[in-house]
Amino acid sequence: MPRYLSYLAPFIGFLAAMIGLLGPSRLPGETGIRAITPFGWLLAILAATSLGVAFYTVSSREKELAAARAEKERFRTVSFEEVSLGLNRLIDVLRYAALMPYTTVPRIPSEAPEQCPFPRENGRPGYRIDLRSKETLSVLENLYLVPGAHLKNAYVPAGVPFGTEITRYSMNVISEESRKAAEIFEKAVQKYAAVALPIDVIEASSAALRSPFLAHLTSLRESWEKRSALEDTDSAIALNFRFLNSGISGGFTKDYLEFLDILDKLGAALGKVR
């Protein structure tokens, strides 16, 4: 709406008042419409015009506000979808790690049970994995990481995140997918913090980015190479290179549980606003 329209209605009202000062609006001794003088008719026309302009101005402002609200809602929907994508990717990384002893070759050294302890989802491909359960913690704490391990075949990943790739090493999957999630969080906060993301979503996303455990996930390969070169061995057991509690900063069980708390807060913030 052009800015000058906001001033048009009061200007017309002022003009009508000035015209009213120049002469009478009604003839003495007359009644009804015949009593209205030319000045009176002019005043009536100006008043009607002022009312019309006022209604148009209010309507235009309402339309602009509605369009702005719709655009903000669109931005919020898009931003939430992006943050949720990063959140779901990190959850999939942890699910992927929990399934590694049962889905990779060569078989990763592990004290986990031979049979997968996670039940299948009813009617859907996948596993029900409680990331805080004793079973999951036992698997992850006893999972030795081997750089050359990869998925057994293209049929196993029906219940495993990240598709059917069997050539990508599992350690790389964890690091690469964790980096992608971090990039999603970072870009979403940069793009939408000022226009769409509420403060609790921004804080939870930033906490995830700063998490020592996320840094541990993204640097697994580098950590392996440093420790392997230092110890001059490729044996995961000799290196004590486990997914959790292998002595790497940020990679302890407490760091893992704190990371889950952050993801829970982020999920709650997204759900609360939605």
C-alpha atoms as a PDB file:
ATOM      1  CA  MET A   1       0.000   0.000   0.000  1.00  0.00           C
ATOM      2  CA  PRO A   2       1.491   3.436  -0.934  1.00  0.00           C
ATOM      3  CA  ARG A   3       2.532   5.346   2.153  1.00  0.00           C
ATOM      4  CA  TYR A   4       0.665   8.540   1.195  1.00  0.00           C
ATOM      5  CA  LEU A   5      -2.735   6.785   1.510  1.00  0.00           C
ATOM      6  CA  SER A   6      -2.249   6.706   5.269  1.00  0.00           C
ATOM      7  CA  TYR A   7      -2.414  10.514   5.295  1.00  0.00           C
ATOM      8  CA  LEU A   8      -5.213  10.907   2.754  1.00  0.00           C
ATOM      9  CA  ALA A   9      -8.188  10.284   5.067  1.00  0.00           C
ATOM     10  CA  PRO A  10      -7.177  12.844   7.731  1.00  0.00           C
ATOM     11  CA  PHE A  11      -6.294  15.327   4.982  1.00  0.00           C
ATOM     12  CA  ILE A  12      -9.770  14.999   3.458  1.00  0.00           C
ATOM     13  CA  GLY A  13     -11.297  15.465   6.907  1.00  0.00           C
ATOM     14  CA  PHE A  14      -9.261  18.620   7.404  1.00  0.00           C
ATOM     15  CA  LEU A  15     -10.307  19.875   3.978  1.00  0.00           C
ATOM     16  CA  ALA A  16     -13.962  19.251   4.785  1.00  0.00           C
ATOM     17  CA  ALA A  17     -13.623  21.229   8.009  1.00  0.00           C
ATOM     18  CA  MET A  18     -12.044  24.148   6.194  1.00  0.00           C
ATOM     19  CA  ILE A  19     -14.801  24.150   3.550  1.00  0.00           C
ATOM     20  CA  GLY A  20     -17.392  24.051   6.340  1.00  0.00           C
ATOM     21  CA  LEU A  21     -15.962  27.321   7.653  1.00  0.00           C
ATOM     22  CA  LEU A  22     -16.538  29.074   4.332  1.00  0.00           C
ATOM     23  CA  GLY A  23     -20.321  28.836   4.322  1.00  0.00           C
ATOM     24  CA  PRO A  24     -23.423  27.238   5.781  1.00  0.00           C
ATOM     25  CA  SER A  25     -24.221  23.652   5.004  1.00  0.00           C
ATOM     26  CA  ARG A  26     -27.991  24.027   5.310  1.00  0.00           C
ATOM     27  CA  LEU A  27     -30.501  26.696   4.241  1.00  0.00           C
ATOM     28  CA  PRO A  28     -32.550  28.275   7.035  1.00  0.00           C
ATOM     29  CA  GLY A  29     -36.263  27.504   6.894  1.00  0.00           C
ATOM     30  CA  GLU A  30     -35.839  24.474   4.630  1.00  0.00           C
ATOM     31  CA  THR A  31     -36.051  20.795   5.561  1.00  0.00           C
ATOM     32  CA  GLY A  32     -34.798  17.523   4.109  1.00  0.00           C
ATOM     33  CA  ILE A  33     -32.469  17.291   1.149  1.00  0.00           C
ATOM     34  CA  ARG A  34     -33.598  20.682  -0.187  1.00  0.00           C
ATOM     35  CA  ALA A  35     -32.052  22.309   2.848  1.00  0.00           C
ATOM     36  CA  ILE A  36     -28.531  21.140   1.933  1.00  0.00           C
ATOM     37  CA  THR A  37     -26.434  23.834   0.348  1.00  0.00           C
ATOM     38  CA  PRO A  38     -23.665  23.244  -2.200  1.00  0.00           C
ATOM     39  CA  PHE A  39     -21.247  23.589   0.690  1.00  0.00           C
ATOM     40  CA  GLY A  40     -23.189  20.873   2.523  1.00  0.00           C
ATOM     41  CA  TRP A  41     -23.105  18.541  -0.464  1.00  0.00           C
ATOM     42  CA  LEU A  42     -19.387  19.092  -0.812  1.00  0.00           C
ATOM     43  CA  LEU A  43     -18.897  18.331   2.863  1.00  0.00           C
ATOM     44  CA  ALA A  44     -20.946  15.131   2.531  1.00  0.00           C
ATOM     45  CA  ILE A  45     -18.914  14.001  -0.480  1.00  0.00           C
ATOM     46  CA  LEU A  46     -15.662  14.678   1.327  1.00  0.00           C
ATOM     47  CA  ALA A  47     -16.861  12.810   4.439  1.00  0.00           C
ATOM     48  CA  ALA A  48     -17.912   9.806   2.360  1.00  0.00           C
ATOM     49  CA  THR A  49     -14.565   9.870   0.529  1.00  0.00           C
ATOM     50  CA  SER A  50     -12.701  10.065   3.836  1.00  0.00           C
ATOM     51  CA  LEU A  51     -14.647   7.075   5.177  1.00  0.00           C
ATOM     52  CA  GLY A  52     -13.948   5.056   2.008  1.00  0.00           C
ATOM     53  CA  VAL A  53     -10.234   5.846   2.146  1.00  0.00           C
ATOM     54  CA  ALA A  54     -10.119   4.899   5.841  1.00  0.00           C
ATOM     55  CA  PHE A  55     -11.778   1.546   5.137  1.00  0.00           C
ATOM     56  CA  TYR A  56      -9.412   0.910   2.221  1.00  0.00           C
ATOM     57  CA  THR A  57      -6.382   1.806   4.336  1.00  0.00           C
ATOM     58  CA  VAL A  58      -7.396  -0.514   7.166  1.00  0.00           C
ATOM     59  CA  SER A  59      -8.185  -3.339   4.718  1.00  0.00           C
ATOM     60  CA  SER A  60      -4.844  -2.921   2.955  1.00  0.00           C
ATOM     61  CA  ARG A  61      -2.960  -2.987   6.246  1.00  0.00           C
ATOM     62  CA  GLU A  62      -4.800  -6.137   7.322  1.00  0.00           C
ATOM     63  CA  LYS A  63      -3.885  -7.823   4.038  1.00  0.00           C
ATOM     64  CA  GLU A  64      -0.252  -6.826   4.440  1.00  0.00           C
ATOM     65  CA  LEU A  65      -0.178  -8.106   8.015  1.00  0.00           C
ATOM     66  CA  ALA A  66      -1.836 -11.373   6.963  1.00  0.00           C
ATOM     67  CA  ALA A  67       0.715 -11.805   4.168  1.00  0.00           C
ATOM     68  CA  ALA A  68       3.562 -11.090   6.605  1.00  0.00           C
ATOM     69  CA  ARG A  69       2.166 -13.609   9.101  1.00  0.00           C
ATOM     70  CA  ALA A  70       1.796 -16.223   6.350  1.00  0.00           C
ATOM     71  CA  GLU A  71       5.374 -15.619   5.206  1.00  0.00           C
ATOM     72  CA  LYS A  72       6.667 -15.896   8.758  1.00  0.00           C
ATOM     73  CA  GLU A  73       4.736 -19.123   9.250  1.00  0.00           C
ATOM     74  CA  ARG A  74       6.191 -20.477   6.010  1.00  0.00           C
ATOM     75  CA  PHE A  75       9.696 -19.600   7.185  1.00  0.00           C
ATOM     76  CA  ARG A  76       9.016 -21.237  10.538  1.00  0.00           C
ATOM     77  CA  THR A  77       7.740 -24.413   8.906  1.00  0.00           C
ATOM     78  CA  VAL A  78      10.785 -24.610   6.624  1.00  0.00           C
ATOM     79  CA  SER A  79      13.206 -23.860   9.459  1.00  0.00           C
ATOM     80  CA  PHE A  80      11.622 -26.469  11.719  1.00  0.00           C
ATOM     81  CA  GLU A  81      11.797 -29.044   8.956  1.00  0.00           C
ATOM     82  CA  GLU A  82      15.521 -28.362   8.507  1.00  0.00           C
ATOM     83  CA  VAL A  83      16.286 -28.549  12.224  1.00  0.00           C
ATOM     84  CA  SER A  84      14.189 -31.722  12.512  1.00  0.00           C
ATOM     85  CA  LEU A  85      16.177 -33.195   9.627  1.00  0.00           C
ATOM     86  CA  GLY A  86      19.411 -32.645  11.544  1.00  0.00           C
ATOM     87  CA  LEU A  87      17.902 -34.048  14.733  1.00  0.00           C
ATOM     88  CA  ASN A  88      16.636 -37.188  12.996  1.00  0.00           C
ATOM     89  CA  ARG A  89      19.981 -37.681  11.287  1.00  0.00           C
ATOM     90  CA  LEU A  90      21.824 -37.685  14.608  1.00  0.00           C
ATOM     91  CA  ILE A  91      19.344 -40.161  16.075  1.00  0.00           C
ATOM     92  CA  ASP A  92      19.893 -42.364  13.025  1.00  0.00           C
ATOM     93  CA  VAL A  93      23.671 -42.163  13.563  1.00  0.00           C
ATOM     94  CA  LEU A  94      23.258 -43.550  17.076  1.00  0.00           C
ATOM     95  CA  ARG A  95      20.831 -46.233  15.870  1.00  0.00           C
ATOM     96  CA  TYR A  96      23.289 -47.165  13.125  1.00  0.00           C
ATOM     97  CA  ALA A  97      26.090 -47.547  15.682  1.00  0.00           C
ATOM     98  CA  ALA A  98      23.925 -49.726  17.939  1.00  0.00           C
ATOM     99  CA  LEU A  99      23.244 -52.088  15.006  1.00  0.00           C
ATOM    100  CA  MET A 100      26.835 -52.301  13.778  1.00  0.00           C
ATOM    101  CA  PRO A 101      27.764 -55.540  15.604  1.00  0.00           C
ATOM    102  CA  TYR A 102      24.909 -57.324  13.793  1.00  0.00           C
ATOM    103  CA  THR A 103      25.036 -55.708  10.346  1.00  0.00           C
ATOM    104  CA  THR A 104      28.702 -55.243   9.409  1.00  0.00           C
ATOM    105  CA  VAL A 105      31.568 -57.284   8.020  1.00  0.00           C
ATOM    106  CA  PRO A 106      34.197 -58.127   8.931  1.00  0.00           C
ATOM    107  CA  ARG A 107      32.440 -58.773  12.226  1.00  0.00           C
ATOM    108  CA  ILE A 108      33.328 -56.014  14.627  1.00  0.00           C
ATOM    109  CA  PRO A 109      34.926 -57.268  17.851  1.00  0.00           C
ATOM    110  CA  SER A 110      32.266 -56.855  20.486  1.00  0.00           C
ATOM    111  CA  GLU A 111      31.073 -58.381  23.717  1.00  0.00           C
ATOM    112  CA  ALA A 112      27.492 -57.807  22.593  1.00  0.00           C
ATOM    113  CA  PRO A 113      25.214 -60.861  22.252  1.00  0.00           C
ATOM    114  CA  GLU A 114      25.283 -62.776  18.968  1.00  0.00           C
ATOM    115  CA  GLN A 115      21.599 -62.132  18.358  1.00  0.00           C
ATOM    116  CA  CYS A 116      20.391 -58.560  17.889  1.00  0.00           C
ATOM    117  CA  PRO A 117      18.643 -57.550  21.139  1.00  0.00           C
ATOM    118  CA  PHE A 118      16.457 -54.948  19.450  1.00  0.00           C
ATOM    119  CA  PRO A 119      12.942 -56.031  18.400  1.00  0.00           C
ATOM    120  CA  ARG A 120      11.653 -55.280  14.922  1.00  0.00           C
ATOM    121  CA  GLU A 121       9.057 -52.569  14.373  1.00  0.00           C
ATOM    122  CA  ASN A 122       5.544 -53.899  13.832  1.00  0.00           C
ATOM    123  CA  GLY A 123       4.731 -53.844  10.146  1.00  0.00           C
ATOM    124  CA  ARG A 124       7.648 -51.568   9.216  1.00  0.00           C
ATOM    125  CA  PRO A 125      11.313 -52.117   8.353  1.00  0.00           C
ATOM    126  CA  GLY A 126      13.473 -51.120  11.265  1.00  0.00           C
ATOM    127  CA  TYR A 127      14.196 -51.797  14.913  1.00  0.00           C
ATOM    128  CA  ARG A 128      12.806 -50.404  18.136  1.00  0.00           C
ATOM    129  CA  ILE A 129      15.913 -49.024  19.823  1.00  0.00           C
ATOM    130  CA  ASP A 130      15.735 -47.186  23.120  1.00  0.00           C
ATOM    131  CA  LEU A 131      18.963 -45.200  23.048  1.00  0.00           C
ATOM    132  CA  ARG A 132      19.052 -45.054  26.865  1.00  0.00           C
ATOM    133  CA  SER A 133      18.243 -48.686  27.564  1.00  0.00           C
ATOM    134  CA  LYS A 134      20.694 -51.055  29.261  1.00  0.00           C
ATOM    135  CA  GLU A 135      20.816 -53.146  26.078  1.00  0.00           C
ATOM    136  CA  THR A 136      21.830 -50.172  23.932  1.00  0.00           C
ATOM    137  CA  LEU A 137      24.396 -48.909  26.435  1.00  0.00           C
ATOM    138  CA  SER A 138      25.889 -52.409  26.701  1.00  0.00           C
ATOM    139  CA  VAL A 139      26.208 -52.664  22.919  1.00  0.00           C
ATOM    140  CA  LEU A 140      27.787 -49.221  22.508  1.00  0.00           C
ATOM    141  CA  GLU A 141      30.157 -49.556  25.472  1.00  0.00           C
ATOM    142  CA  ASN A 142      31.441 -52.890  24.168  1.00  0.00           C
ATOM    143  CA  LEU A 143      31.567 -51.948  20.493  1.00  0.00           C
ATOM    144  CA  TYR A 144      35.122 -51.847  19.095  1.00  0.00           C
ATOM    145  CA  LEU A 145      35.350 -49.786  15.914  1.00  0.00           C
ATOM    146  CA  VAL A 146      37.192 -51.171  12.899  1.00  0.00           C
ATOM    147  CA  PRO A 147      37.991 -48.790   9.992  1.00  0.00           C
ATOM    148  CA  GLY A 148      37.339 -51.440   7.298  1.00  0.00           C
ATOM    149  CA  ALA A 149      33.934 -52.593   8.559  1.00  0.00           C
ATOM    150  CA  HIS A 150      30.937 -52.027   6.265  1.00  0.00           C
ATOM    151  CA  LEU A 151      27.396 -53.323   5.865  1.00  0.00           C
ATOM    152  CA  LYS A 152      27.143 -57.009   5.010  1.00  0.00           C
ATOM    153  CA  ASN A 153      24.962 -56.658   1.923  1.00  0.00           C
ATOM    154  CA  ALA A 154      22.275 -54.555   0.295  1.00  0.00           C
ATOM    155  CA  TYR A 155      19.497 -56.503   2.006  1.00  0.00           C
ATOM    156  CA  VAL A 156      20.550 -55.942   5.595  1.00  0.00           C
ATOM    157  CA  PRO A 157      19.959 -52.158   5.527  1.00  0.00           C
ATOM    158  CA  ALA A 158      16.194 -52.591   5.325  1.00  0.00           C
ATOM    159  CA  GLY A 159      16.220 -51.868   9.037  1.00  0.00           C
ATOM    160  CA  VAL A 160      19.405 -49.785   9.120  1.00  0.00           C
ATOM    161  CA  PRO A 161      19.594 -46.017   8.512  1.00  0.00           C
ATOM    162  CA  PHE A 162      21.355 -44.378   5.548  1.00  0.00           C
ATOM    163  CA  GLY A 163      20.305 -46.614   2.711  1.00  0.00           C
ATOM    164  CA  THR A 164      21.838 -49.658   1.107  1.00  0.00           C
ATOM    165  CA  GLU A 165      25.444 -48.590   0.582  1.00  0.00           C
ATOM    166  CA  ILE A 166      27.811 -51.480   1.246  1.00  0.00           C
ATOM    167  CA  THR A 167      31.006 -49.796   0.026  1.00  0.00           C
ATOM    168  CA  ARG A 168      31.074 -46.935   2.529  1.00  0.00           C
ATOM    169  CA  TYR A 169      32.929 -47.829   5.707  1.00  0.00           C
ATOM    170  CA  SER A 170      30.748 -47.736   8.791  1.00  0.00           C
ATOM    171  CA  MET A 171      33.154 -45.539  10.732  1.00  0.00           C
ATOM    172  CA  ASN A 172      32.962 -43.041   7.875  1.00  0.00           C
ATOM    173  CA  VAL A 173      29.168 -43.257   7.885  1.00  0.00           C
ATOM    174  CA  ILE A 174      29.072 -42.195  11.526  1.00  0.00           C
ATOM    175  CA  SER A 175      31.488 -39.296  11.074  1.00  0.00           C
ATOM    176  CA  GLU A 176      30.126 -38.064   7.736  1.00  0.00           C
ATOM    177  CA  GLU A 177      26.468 -38.207   8.732  1.00  0.00           C
ATOM    178  CA  SER A 178      27.243 -36.480  12.037  1.00  0.00           C
ATOM    179  CA  ARG A 179      29.004 -33.687  10.144  1.00  0.00           C
ATOM    180  CA  LYS A 180      26.013 -33.328   7.832  1.00  0.00           C
ATOM    181  CA  ALA A 181      23.719 -32.983  10.836  1.00  0.00           C
ATOM    182  CA  ALA A 182      25.986 -30.330  12.342  1.00  0.00           C
ATOM    183  CA  GLU A 183      25.985 -28.419   9.049  1.00  0.00           C
ATOM    184  CA  ILE A 184      22.181 -28.570   8.930  1.00  0.00           C
ATOM    185  CA  PHE A 185      21.926 -27.095  12.440  1.00  0.00           C
ATOM    186  CA  GLU A 186      24.466 -24.392  11.696  1.00  0.00           C
ATOM    187  CA  LYS A 187      22.841 -23.308   8.428  1.00  0.00           C
ATOM    188  CA  ALA A 188      19.334 -23.350   9.892  1.00  0.00           C
ATOM    189  CA  VAL A 189      20.352 -21.168  12.835  1.00  0.00           C
ATOM    190  CA  GLN A 190      22.198 -18.734  10.554  1.00  0.00           C
ATOM    191  CA  LYS A 191      19.312 -18.433   8.081  1.00  0.00           C
ATOM    192  CA  TYR A 192      16.298 -18.439  10.358  1.00  0.00           C
ATOM    193  CA  ALA A 193      17.353 -17.278  13.820  1.00  0.00           C
ATOM    194  CA  ALA A 194      16.201 -13.716  13.214  1.00  0.00           C
ATOM    195  CA  VAL A 195      12.881 -14.478  11.525  1.00  0.00           C
ATOM    196  CA  ALA A 196      11.561 -17.908  12.436  1.00  0.00           C
ATOM    197  CA  LEU A 197      13.325 -19.914  15.130  1.00  0.00           C
ATOM    198  CA  PRO A 198      12.251 -19.417  18.759  1.00  0.00           C
ATOM    199  CA  ILE A 199      14.937 -19.005  21.367  1.00  0.00           C
ATOM    200  CA  ASP A 200      14.598 -22.497  22.862  1.00  0.00           C
ATOM    201  CA  VAL A 201      15.145 -24.130  19.459  1.00  0.00           C
ATOM    202  CA  ILE A 202      18.181 -21.919  18.831  1.00  0.00           C
ATOM    203  CA  GLU A 203      19.638 -22.718  22.252  1.00  0.00           C
ATOM    204  CA  ALA A 204      19.100 -26.476  21.882  1.00  0.00           C
ATOM    205  CA  SER A 205      20.554 -26.478  18.342  1.00  0.00           C
ATOM    206  CA  SER A 206      23.584 -24.498  19.531  1.00  0.00           C
ATOM    207  CA  ALA A 207      24.038 -26.862  22.477  1.00  0.00           C
ATOM    208  CA  ALA A 208      24.040 -29.814  20.082  1.00  0.00           C
ATOM    209  CA  LEU A 209      26.674 -28.107  17.934  1.00  0.00           C
ATOM    210  CA  ARG A 210      28.860 -27.465  21.002  1.00  0.00           C
ATOM    211  CA  SER A 211      28.410 -30.966  22.402  1.00  0.00           C
ATOM    212  CA  PRO A 212      31.709 -32.796  23.088  1.00  0.00           C
ATOM    213  CA  PHE A 213      30.045 -36.020  21.995  1.00  0.00           C
ATOM    214  CA  LEU A 214      29.177 -34.606  18.561  1.00  0.00           C
ATOM    215  CA  ALA A 215      32.830 -33.609  18.195  1.00  0.00           C
ATOM    216  CA  HIS A 216      33.734 -37.186  19.145  1.00  0.00           C
ATOM    217  CA  LEU A 217      31.428 -38.583  16.444  1.00  0.00           C
ATOM    218  CA  THR A 218      32.716 -36.328  13.687  1.00  0.00           C
ATOM    219  CA  SER A 219      36.389 -37.073  14.440  1.00  0.00           C
ATOM    220  CA  LEU A 220      36.286 -40.873  14.848  1.00  0.00           C
ATOM    221  CA  ARG A 221      38.455 -41.530  11.807  1.00  0.00           C
ATOM    222  CA  GLU A 222      41.066 -38.971  12.821  1.00  0.00           C
ATOM    223  CA  SER A 223      41.102 -40.310  16.373  1.00  0.00           C
ATOM    224  CA  TRP A 224      41.629 -43.846  15.083  1.00  0.00           C
ATOM    225  CA  GLU A 225      44.513 -42.836  12.826  1.00  0.00           C
ATOM    226  CA  LYS A 226      46.256 -40.912  15.614  1.00  0.00           C
ATOM    227  CA  ARG A 227      45.936 -43.743  18.091  1.00  0.00           C
ATOM    228  CA  SER A 228      46.901 -46.371  15.506  1.00  0.00           C
ATOM    229  CA  ALA A 229      50.037 -44.440  14.556  1.00  0.00           C
ATOM    230  CA  LEU A 230      50.920 -43.862  18.200  1.00  0.00           C
ATOM    231  CA  GLU A 231      50.477 -47.530  19.178  1.00  0.00           C
ATOM    232  CA  ASP A 232      51.731 -48.886  15.830  1.00  0.00           C
ATOM    233  CA  THR A 233      48.880 -51.394  15.504  1.00  0.00           C
ATOM    234  CA  ASP A 234      45.633 -51.853  13.602  1.00  0.00           C
ATOM    235  CA  SER A 235      43.997 -54.012  16.257  1.00  0.00           C
ATOM    236  CA  ALA A 236      40.857 -52.372  17.611  1.00  0.00           C
ATOM    237  CA  ILE A 237      41.098 -54.417  20.809  1.00  0.00           C
ATOM    238  CA  ALA A 238      44.765 -53.618  21.337  1.00  0.00           C
ATOM    239  CA  LEU A 239      43.985 -49.950  20.785  1.00  0.00           C
ATOM    240  CA  ASN A 240      40.906 -50.176  23.037  1.00  0.00           C
ATOM    241  CA  PHE A 241      39.093 -48.166  20.374  1.00  0.00           C
ATOM    242  CA  ARG A 242      35.478 -48.472  21.435  1.00  0.00           C
ATOM    243  CA  PHE A 243      32.488 -46.366  20.521  1.00  0.00           C
ATOM    244  CA  LEU A 244      32.204 -45.329  24.186  1.00  0.00           C
ATOM    245  CA  ASN A 245      34.792 -45.123  26.963  1.00  0.00           C
ATOM    246  CA  SER A 246      37.932 -45.600  24.893  1.00  0.00           C
ATOM    247  CA  GLY A 247      39.593 -42.653  26.635  1.00  0.00           C
ATOM    248  CA  ILE A 248      38.849 -40.090  23.919  1.00  0.00           C
ATOM    249  CA  SER A 249      37.692 -36.716  25.189  1.00  0.00           C
ATOM    250  CA  GLY A 250      33.940 -36.345  24.699  1.00  0.00           C
ATOM    251  CA  GLY A 251      33.436 -40.049  24.038  1.00  0.00           C
ATOM    252  CA  PHE A 252      32.425 -41.331  27.449  1.00  0.00           C
ATOM    253  CA  THR A 253      29.048 -42.726  28.457  1.00  0.00           C
ATOM    254  CA  LYS A 254      28.249 -39.569  30.436  1.00  0.00           C
ATOM    255  CA  ASP A 255      28.930 -37.488  27.300  1.00  0.00           C
ATOM    256  CA  TYR A 256      26.634 -39.762  25.311  1.00  0.00           C
ATOM    257  CA  LEU A 257      23.822 -39.427  27.869  1.00  0.00           C
ATOM    258  CA  GLU A 258      24.262 -35.650  28.039  1.00  0.00           C
ATOM    259  CA  PHE A 259      24.035 -35.570  24.245  1.00  0.00           C
ATOM    260  CA  LEU A 260      20.760 -37.507  24.380  1.00  0.00           C
ATOM    261  CA  ASP A 261      19.441 -34.942  26.879  1.00  0.00           C
ATOM    262  CA  ILE A 262      20.254 -32.168  24.408  1.00  0.00           C
ATOM    263  CA  LEU A 263      18.505 -33.998  21.575  1.00  0.00           C
ATOM    264  CA  ASP A 264      15.476 -34.532  23.819  1.00  0.00           C
ATOM    265  CA  LYS A 265      15.341 -30.806  24.607  1.00  0.00           C
ATOM    266  CA  LEU A 266      15.574 -29.969  20.927  1.00  0.00           C
ATOM    267  CA  GLY A 267      12.811 -32.406  20.062  1.00  0.00           C
ATOM    268  CA  ALA A 268      10.627 -30.992  22.836  1.00  0.00           C
ATOM    269  CA  ALA A 269      11.241 -27.431  21.631  1.00  0.00           C
ATOM    270  CA  LEU A 270      10.268 -28.351  18.075  1.00  0.00           C
ATOM    271  CA  GLY A 271       7.189 -30.224  19.236  1.00  0.00           C
ATOM    272  CA  LYS A 272       6.111 -27.488  21.633  1.00  0.00           C
ATOM    273  CA  VAL A 273       6.003 -24.810  18.946  1.00  0.00           C
ATOM    274  CA  ARG A 274       4.418 -27.069  16.407  1.00  0.00           C
END
